């Protein structure tokens, strides 16, 4: 291994889960007044509607995926 090669891949984000946990806790504490709540709920609604359209994915899975995607986009723009 050469000296200029990193020992760990640079694309790993070890702070994503703690950041997501803190963001969800803040959303639960502040409710609709938190700036991330409305986009995450909108993502859940869009995912649920997409779940009705797609034959394999149901509205519950679609809502969870939509909310998760919007939460990720709020944490890592």
PDB file of N, CA and C in Angstrom:
ATOM      1  N   UNK A   1       0.848  -1.172   0.000  1.00  0.00           N
ATOM      2  CA  UNK A   1       0.000   0.000   0.000  1.00  0.00           C
ATOM      3  C   UNK A   1       0.896   1.239   0.000  1.00  0.00           C
ATOM      4  N   UNK A   2       0.585   2.177  -0.865  1.00  0.00           N
ATOM      5  CA  UNK A   2       1.377   3.395  -0.948  1.00  0.00           C
ATOM      6  C   UNK A   2       0.956   4.369   0.140  1.00  0.00           C
ATOM      7  N   UNK A   3       1.828   5.338   0.423  1.00  0.00           N
ATOM      8  CA  UNK A   3       1.543   6.301   1.479  1.00  0.00           C
ATOM      9  C   UNK A   3       0.411   7.255   1.125  1.00  0.00           C
ATOM     10  N   UNK A   4       0.219   7.542  -0.172  1.00  0.00           N
ATOM     11  CA  UNK A   4      -0.813   8.512  -0.540  1.00  0.00           C
ATOM     12  C   UNK A   4      -2.209   7.891  -0.622  1.00  0.00           C
ATOM     13  N   UNK A   5      -2.343   6.565  -0.510  1.00  0.00           N
ATOM     14  CA  UNK A   5      -3.646   5.923  -0.538  1.00  0.00           C
ATOM     15  C   UNK A   5      -4.277   5.968   0.853  1.00  0.00           C
ATOM     16  N   UNK A   6      -5.536   6.360   0.936  1.00  0.00           N
ATOM     17  CA  UNK A   6      -6.189   6.378   2.255  1.00  0.00           C
ATOM     18  C   UNK A   6      -6.450   4.960   2.751  1.00  0.00           C
ATOM     19  N   UNK A   7      -6.400   4.768   4.027  1.00  0.00           N
ATOM     20  CA  UNK A   7      -6.644   3.445   4.609  1.00  0.00           C
ATOM     21  C   UNK A   7      -8.133   3.132   4.664  1.00  0.00           C
ATOM     22  N   UNK A   8      -8.987   4.158   4.788  1.00  0.00           N
ATOM     23  CA  UNK A   8     -10.432   3.971   4.784  1.00  0.00           C
ATOM     24  C   UNK A   8     -11.012   4.697   3.582  1.00  0.00           C
ATOM     25  N   UNK A   9     -12.066   4.164   3.010  1.00  0.00           N
ATOM     26  CA  UNK A   9     -12.691   4.879   1.891  1.00  0.00           C
ATOM     27  C   UNK A   9     -13.200   6.251   2.341  1.00  0.00           C
ATOM     28  N   UNK A  10     -13.064   7.214   1.469  1.00  0.00           N
ATOM     29  CA  UNK A  10     -13.463   8.580   1.816  1.00  0.00           C
ATOM     30  C   UNK A  10     -14.961   8.791   1.730  1.00  0.00           C
ATOM     31  N   UNK A  11     -15.673   7.898   1.066  1.00  0.00           N
ATOM     32  CA  UNK A  11     -17.102   8.094   0.880  1.00  0.00           C
ATOM     33  C   UNK A  11     -17.926   7.684   2.095  1.00  0.00           C
ATOM     34  N   UNK A  12     -17.333   7.053   3.084  1.00  0.00           N
ATOM     35  CA  UNK A  12     -18.083   6.643   4.262  1.00  0.00           C
ATOM     36  C   UNK A  12     -18.423   7.844   5.112  1.00  0.00           C
ATOM     37  N   UNK A  13     -19.649   7.875   5.593  1.00  0.00           N
ATOM     38  CA  UNK A  13     -20.116   8.957   6.448  1.00  0.00           C
ATOM     39  C   UNK A  13     -20.511   8.341   7.788  1.00  0.00           C
ATOM     40  N   UNK A  14     -19.616   8.416   8.738  1.00  0.00           N
ATOM     41  CA  UNK A  14     -19.853   7.779  10.032  1.00  0.00           C
ATOM     42  C   UNK A  14     -20.761   8.602  10.929  1.00  0.00           C
ATOM     43  N   UNK A  15     -21.060   9.822  10.549  1.00  0.00           N
ATOM     44  CA  UNK A  15     -21.879  10.689  11.388  1.00  0.00           C
ATOM     45  C   UNK A  15     -23.335  10.748  10.930  1.00  0.00           C
ATOM     46  N   UNK A  16     -23.731   9.989   9.943  1.00  0.00           N
ATOM     47  CA  UNK A  16     -25.082  10.077   9.408  1.00  0.00           C
ATOM     48  C   UNK A  16     -26.129   9.620  10.422  1.00  0.00           C
ATOM     49  N   UNK A  17     -25.944   8.467  11.041  1.00  0.00           N
ATOM     50  CA  UNK A  17     -26.943   7.975  11.988  1.00  0.00           C
ATOM     51  C   UNK A  17     -27.070   8.847  13.229  1.00  0.00           C
ATOM     52  N   UNK A  18     -25.966   9.291  13.849  1.00  0.00           N
ATOM     53  CA  UNK A  18     -26.136  10.204  14.985  1.00  0.00           C
ATOM     54  C   UNK A  18     -26.796  11.527  14.585  1.00  0.00           C
ATOM     55  N   UNK A  19     -26.469  12.026  13.390  1.00  0.00           N
ATOM     56  CA  UNK A  19     -27.102  13.258  12.913  1.00  0.00           C
ATOM     57  C   UNK A  19     -28.595  13.045  12.670  1.00  0.00           C
ATOM     58  N   UNK A  20     -28.951  11.910  12.085  1.00  0.00           N
ATOM     59  CA  UNK A  20     -30.359  11.618  11.828  1.00  0.00           C
ATOM     60  C   UNK A  20     -31.126  11.460  13.134  1.00  0.00           C
ATOM     61  N   UNK A  21     -30.521  10.806  14.104  1.00  0.00           N
ATOM     62  CA  UNK A  21     -31.172  10.627  15.400  1.00  0.00           C
ATOM     63  C   UNK A  21     -31.411  11.978  16.070  1.00  0.00           C
ATOM     64  N   UNK A  22     -30.421  12.849  16.040  1.00  0.00           N
ATOM     65  CA  UNK A  22     -30.574  14.173  16.643  1.00  0.00           C
ATOM     66  C   UNK A  22     -31.634  14.987  15.909  1.00  0.00           C
ATOM     67  N   UNK A  23     -31.685  14.870  14.585  1.00  0.00           N
ATOM     68  CA  UNK A  23     -32.669  15.626  13.801  1.00  0.00           C
ATOM     69  C   UNK A  23     -34.086  15.139  14.093  1.00  0.00           C
ATOM     70  N   UNK A  24     -34.286  13.826  14.167  1.00  0.00           N
ATOM     71  CA  UNK A  24     -35.609  13.283  14.458  1.00  0.00           C
ATOM     72  C   UNK A  24     -36.039  13.672  15.872  1.00  0.00           C
ATOM     73  N   UNK A  25     -35.121  13.630  16.826  1.00  0.00           N
ATOM     74  CA  UNK A  25     -35.463  14.046  18.186  1.00  0.00           C
ATOM     75  C   UNK A  25     -35.846  15.516  18.229  1.00  0.00           C
ATOM     76  N   UNK A  26     -35.135  16.347  17.483  1.00  0.00           N
ATOM     77  CA  UNK A  26     -35.473  17.773  17.439  1.00  0.00           C
ATOM     78  C   UNK A  26     -36.824  17.985  16.759  1.00  0.00           C
ATOM     79  N   UNK A  27     -37.115  17.198  15.732  1.00  0.00           N
ATOM     80  CA  UNK A  27     -38.411  17.303  15.065  1.00  0.00           C
ATOM     81  C   UNK A  27     -39.541  16.888  16.005  1.00  0.00           C
ATOM     82  N   UNK A  28     -39.309  15.856  16.802  1.00  0.00           N
ATOM     83  CA  UNK A  28     -40.324  15.411  17.749  1.00  0.00           C
ATOM     84  C   UNK A  28     -40.530  16.444  18.852  1.00  0.00           C
ATOM     85  N   UNK A  29     -39.468  17.098  19.265  1.00  0.00           N
ATOM     86  CA  UNK A  29     -39.555  18.092  20.331  1.00  0.00           C
ATOM     87  C   UNK A  29     -40.262  19.360  19.857  1.00  0.00           C
ATOM     88  N   UNK A  30     -39.872  19.860  18.663  1.00  0.00           N
ATOM     89  CA  UNK A  30     -40.400  21.127  18.173  1.00  0.00           C
ATOM     90  C   UNK A  30     -41.681  20.982  17.362  1.00  0.00           C
ATOM     91  N   UNK A  31     -41.988  19.793  16.935  1.00  0.00           N
ATOM     92  CA  UNK A  31     -43.210  19.567  16.171  1.00  0.00           C
ATOM     93  C   UNK A  31     -43.179  20.261  14.822  1.00  0.00           C
ATOM     94  N   UNK A  32     -44.282  20.884  14.458  1.00  0.00           N
ATOM     95  CA  UNK A  32     -44.401  21.542  13.153  1.00  0.00           C
ATOM     96  C   UNK A  32     -43.575  22.823  13.063  1.00  0.00           C
ATOM     97  N   UNK A  33     -43.034  23.291  14.162  1.00  0.00           N
ATOM     98  CA  UNK A  33     -42.216  24.501  14.147  1.00  0.00           C
ATOM     99  C   UNK A  33     -40.781  24.228  13.716  1.00  0.00           C
ATOM    100  N   UNK A  34     -40.384  22.964  13.659  1.00  0.00           N
ATOM    101  CA  UNK A  34     -39.029  22.613  13.228  1.00  0.00           C
ATOM    102  C   UNK A  34     -38.945  22.735  11.711  1.00  0.00           C
ATOM    103  N   UNK A  35     -37.848  23.278  11.184  1.00  0.00           N
ATOM    104  CA  UNK A  35     -37.765  23.488   9.726  1.00  0.00           C
ATOM    105  C   UNK A  35     -37.728  22.206   8.897  1.00  0.00           C
ATOM    106  N   UNK A  36     -37.405  21.068   9.479  1.00  0.00           N
ATOM    107  CA  UNK A  36     -37.340  19.818   8.709  1.00  0.00           C
ATOM    108  C   UNK A  36     -38.657  19.057   8.702  1.00  0.00           C
ATOM    109  N   UNK A  37     -39.584  19.393   9.557  1.00  0.00           N
ATOM    110  CA  UNK A  37     -40.801  18.601   9.689  1.00  0.00           C
ATOM    111  C   UNK A  37     -41.642  18.627   8.422  1.00  0.00           C
ATOM    112  N   UNK A  38     -41.908  19.795   7.893  1.00  0.00           N
ATOM    113  CA  UNK A  38     -42.782  19.898   6.716  1.00  0.00           C
ATOM    114  C   UNK A  38     -42.196  19.208   5.484  1.00  0.00           C
ATOM    115  N   UNK A  39     -40.896  19.388   5.165  1.00  0.00           N
ATOM    116  CA  UNK A  39     -40.367  18.654   4.004  1.00  0.00           C
ATOM    117  C   UNK A  39     -40.385  17.136   4.179  1.00  0.00           C
ATOM    118  N   UNK A  40     -40.136  16.665   5.392  1.00  0.00           N
ATOM    119  CA  UNK A  40     -40.131  15.215   5.622  1.00  0.00           C
ATOM    120  C   UNK A  40     -41.554  14.661   5.506  1.00  0.00           C
ATOM    121  N   UNK A  41     -42.536  15.385   6.035  1.00  0.00           N
ATOM    122  CA  UNK A  41     -43.922  14.935   5.899  1.00  0.00           C
ATOM    123  C   UNK A  41     -44.388  14.993   4.442  1.00  0.00           C
ATOM    124  N   UNK A  42     -43.931  15.993   3.709  1.00  0.00           N
ATOM    125  CA  UNK A  42     -44.254  16.074   2.283  1.00  0.00           C
ATOM    126  C   UNK A  42     -43.647  14.894   1.533  1.00  0.00           C
ATOM    127  N   UNK A  43     -42.410  14.548   1.857  1.00  0.00           N
ATOM    128  CA  UNK A  43     -41.777  13.386   1.234  1.00  0.00           C
ATOM    129  C   UNK A  43     -42.519  12.102   1.553  1.00  0.00           C
ATOM    130  N   UNK A  44     -43.014  11.993   2.790  1.00  0.00           N
ATOM    131  CA  UNK A  44     -43.786  10.805   3.161  1.00  0.00           C
ATOM    132  C   UNK A  44     -45.087  10.737   2.365  1.00  0.00           C
ATOM    133  N   UNK A  45     -45.733  11.881   2.170  1.00  0.00           N
ATOM    134  CA  UNK A  45     -46.985  11.900   1.412  1.00  0.00           C
ATOM    135  C   UNK A  45     -46.746  11.547  -0.058  1.00  0.00           C
ATOM    136  N   UNK A  46     -45.706  12.105  -0.644  1.00  0.00           N
ATOM    137  CA  UNK A  46     -45.385  11.792  -2.042  1.00  0.00           C
ATOM    138  C   UNK A  46     -45.028  10.316  -2.186  1.00  0.00           C
ATOM    139  N   UNK A  47     -44.269   9.786  -1.241  1.00  0.00           N
ATOM    140  CA  UNK A  47     -43.925   8.366  -1.286  1.00  0.00           C
ATOM    141  C   UNK A  47     -45.134   7.471  -1.132  1.00  0.00           C
ATOM    142  N   UNK A  48     -46.091   7.874  -0.287  1.00  0.00           N
ATOM    143  CA  UNK A  48     -47.308   7.080  -0.117  1.00  0.00           C
ATOM    144  C   UNK A  48     -48.140   7.078  -1.395  1.00  0.00           C
ATOM    145  N   UNK A  49     -48.238   8.229  -2.062  1.00  0.00           N
ATOM    146  CA  UNK A  49     -48.970   8.294  -3.330  1.00  0.00           C
ATOM    147  C   UNK A  49     -48.267   7.437  -4.381  1.00  0.00           C
ATOM    148  N   UNK A  50     -46.941   7.491  -4.413  1.00  0.00           N
ATOM    149  CA  UNK A  50     -46.195   6.652  -5.350  1.00  0.00           C
ATOM    150  C   UNK A  50     -46.400   5.175  -5.023  1.00  0.00           C
ATOM    151  N   UNK A  51     -46.551   4.863  -3.746  1.00  0.00           N
ATOM    152  CA  UNK A  51     -46.796   3.481  -3.351  1.00  0.00           C
ATOM    153  C   UNK A  51     -48.132   2.951  -3.842  1.00  0.00           C
ATOM    154  N   UNK A  52     -49.131   3.837  -3.958  1.00  0.00           N
ATOM    155  CA  UNK A  52     -50.412   3.409  -4.520  1.00  0.00           C
ATOM    156  C   UNK A  52     -50.283   3.089  -6.004  1.00  0.00           C
ATOM    157  N   UNK A  53     -49.427   3.842  -6.707  1.00  0.00           N
ATOM    158  CA  UNK A  53     -49.295   3.680  -8.155  1.00  0.00           C
ATOM    159  C   UNK A  53     -48.467   2.442  -8.497  1.00  0.00           C
ATOM    160  N   UNK A  54     -47.388   2.225  -7.764  1.00  0.00           N
ATOM    161  CA  UNK A  54     -46.497   1.095  -8.057  1.00  0.00           C
ATOM    162  C   UNK A  54     -47.112  -0.198  -7.538  1.00  0.00           C
ATOM    163  N   UNK A  55     -47.112  -1.251  -8.336  1.00  0.00           N
ATOM    164  CA  UNK A  55     -47.791  -2.478  -7.920  1.00  0.00           C
ATOM    165  C   UNK A  55     -47.085  -3.248  -6.805  1.00  0.00           C
ATOM    166  N   UNK A  56     -45.771  -3.168  -6.710  1.00  0.00           N
ATOM    167  CA  UNK A  56     -45.043  -3.961  -5.725  1.00  0.00           C
ATOM    168  C   UNK A  56     -44.943  -3.242  -4.386  1.00  0.00           C
ATOM    169  N   UNK A  57     -44.804  -1.917  -4.442  1.00  0.00           N
ATOM    170  CA  UNK A  57     -44.598  -1.117  -3.238  1.00  0.00           C
ATOM    171  C   UNK A  57     -45.951  -0.612  -2.751  1.00  0.00           C
ATOM    172  N   UNK A  58     -46.223  -0.799  -1.480  1.00  0.00           N
ATOM    173  CA  UNK A  58     -47.463  -0.302  -0.911  1.00  0.00           C
ATOM    174  C   UNK A  58     -47.302   1.121  -0.399  1.00  0.00           C
ATOM    175  N   UNK A  59     -48.392   1.726   0.034  1.00  0.00           N
ATOM    176  CA  UNK A  59     -48.316   3.108   0.507  1.00  0.00           C
ATOM    177  C   UNK A  59     -47.511   3.264   1.798  1.00  0.00           C
ATOM    178  N   UNK A  60     -47.476   2.258   2.630  1.00  0.00           N
ATOM    179  CA  UNK A  60     -46.705   2.363   3.874  1.00  0.00           C
ATOM    180  C   UNK A  60     -45.218   2.364   3.571  1.00  0.00           C
ATOM    181  N   UNK A  61     -44.783   1.429   2.749  1.00  0.00           N
ATOM    182  CA  UNK A  61     -43.363   1.379   2.385  1.00  0.00           C
ATOM    183  C   UNK A  61     -42.979   2.630   1.606  1.00  0.00           C
ATOM    184  N   UNK A  62     -43.841   3.063   0.702  1.00  0.00           N
ATOM    185  CA  UNK A  62     -43.581   4.276  -0.055  1.00  0.00           C
ATOM    186  C   UNK A  62     -43.459   5.500   0.844  1.00  0.00           C
ATOM    187  N   UNK A  63     -44.316   5.593   1.852  1.00  0.00           N
ATOM    188  CA  UNK A  63     -44.249   6.713   2.787  1.00  0.00           C
ATOM    189  C   UNK A  63     -42.978   6.711   3.604  1.00  0.00           C
ATOM    190  N   UNK A  64     -42.564   5.547   4.055  1.00  0.00           N
ATOM    191  CA  UNK A  64     -41.330   5.444   4.839  1.00  0.00           C
ATOM    192  C   UNK A  64     -40.118   5.793   3.978  1.00  0.00           C
ATOM    193  N   UNK A  65     -40.101   5.302   2.758  1.00  0.00           N
ATOM    194  CA  UNK A  65     -38.984   5.598   1.862  1.00  0.00           C
ATOM    195  C   UNK A  65     -38.961   7.079   1.515  1.00  0.00           C
ATOM    196  N   UNK A  66     -40.109   7.663   1.242  1.00  0.00           N
ATOM    197  CA  UNK A  66     -40.176   9.085   0.929  1.00  0.00           C
ATOM    198  C   UNK A  66     -39.720   9.958   2.084  1.00  0.00           C
ATOM    199  N   UNK A  67     -40.151   9.627   3.295  1.00  0.00           N
ATOM    200  CA  UNK A  67     -39.725  10.383   4.477  1.00  0.00           C
ATOM    201  C   UNK A  67     -38.229  10.204   4.719  1.00  0.00           C
ATOM    202  N   UNK A  68     -37.738   8.992   4.556  1.00  0.00           N
ATOM    203  CA  UNK A  68     -36.308   8.744   4.738  1.00  0.00           C
ATOM    204  C   UNK A  68     -35.461   9.484   3.740  1.00  0.00           C
ATOM    205  N   UNK A  69     -35.923   9.539   2.493  1.00  0.00           N
ATOM    206  CA  UNK A  69     -35.174  10.262   1.458  1.00  0.00           C
ATOM    207  C   UNK A  69     -35.130  11.751   1.769  1.00  0.00           C
ATOM    208  N   UNK A  70     -36.250  12.317   2.159  1.00  0.00           N
ATOM    209  CA  UNK A  70     -36.269  13.756   2.453  1.00  0.00           C
ATOM    210  C   UNK A  70     -35.443  14.066   3.703  1.00  0.00           C
ATOM    211  N   UNK A  71     -35.463  13.192   4.688  1.00  0.00           N
ATOM    212  CA  UNK A  71     -34.624  13.403   5.869  1.00  0.00           C
ATOM    213  C   UNK A  71     -33.157  13.363   5.477  1.00  0.00           C
ATOM    214  N   UNK A  72     -32.783  12.421   4.614  1.00  0.00           N
ATOM    215  CA  UNK A  72     -31.397  12.346   4.139  1.00  0.00           C
ATOM    216  C   UNK A  72     -31.019  13.609   3.392  1.00  0.00           C
ATOM    217  N   UNK A  73     -31.899  14.113   2.537  1.00  0.00           N
ATOM    218  CA  UNK A  73     -31.606  15.317   1.779  1.00  0.00           C
ATOM    219  C   UNK A  73     -31.516  16.541   2.695  1.00  0.00           C
ATOM    220  N   UNK A  74     -32.220  16.535   3.825  1.00  0.00           N
ATOM    221  CA  UNK A  74     -32.100  17.630   4.788  1.00  0.00           C
ATOM    222  C   UNK A  74     -30.776  17.562   5.530  1.00  0.00           C
ATOM    223  N   UNK A  75     -30.288  16.349   5.768  1.00  0.00           N
ATOM    224  CA  UNK A  75     -29.027  16.188   6.497  1.00  0.00           C
ATOM    225  C   UNK A  75     -27.827  16.378   5.589  1.00  0.00           C
ATOM    226  N   UNK A  76     -27.904  15.874   4.372  1.00  0.00           N
ATOM    227  CA  UNK A  76     -26.788  15.941   3.430  1.00  0.00           C
ATOM    228  C   UNK A  76     -27.269  16.543   2.125  1.00  0.00           C
ATOM    229  N   UNK A  77     -27.347  17.862   2.033  1.00  0.00           N
ATOM    230  CA  UNK A  77     -27.874  18.492   0.806  1.00  0.00           C
ATOM    231  C   UNK A  77     -26.993  18.309  -0.403  1.00  0.00           C
TER     232      UNK A  77
END
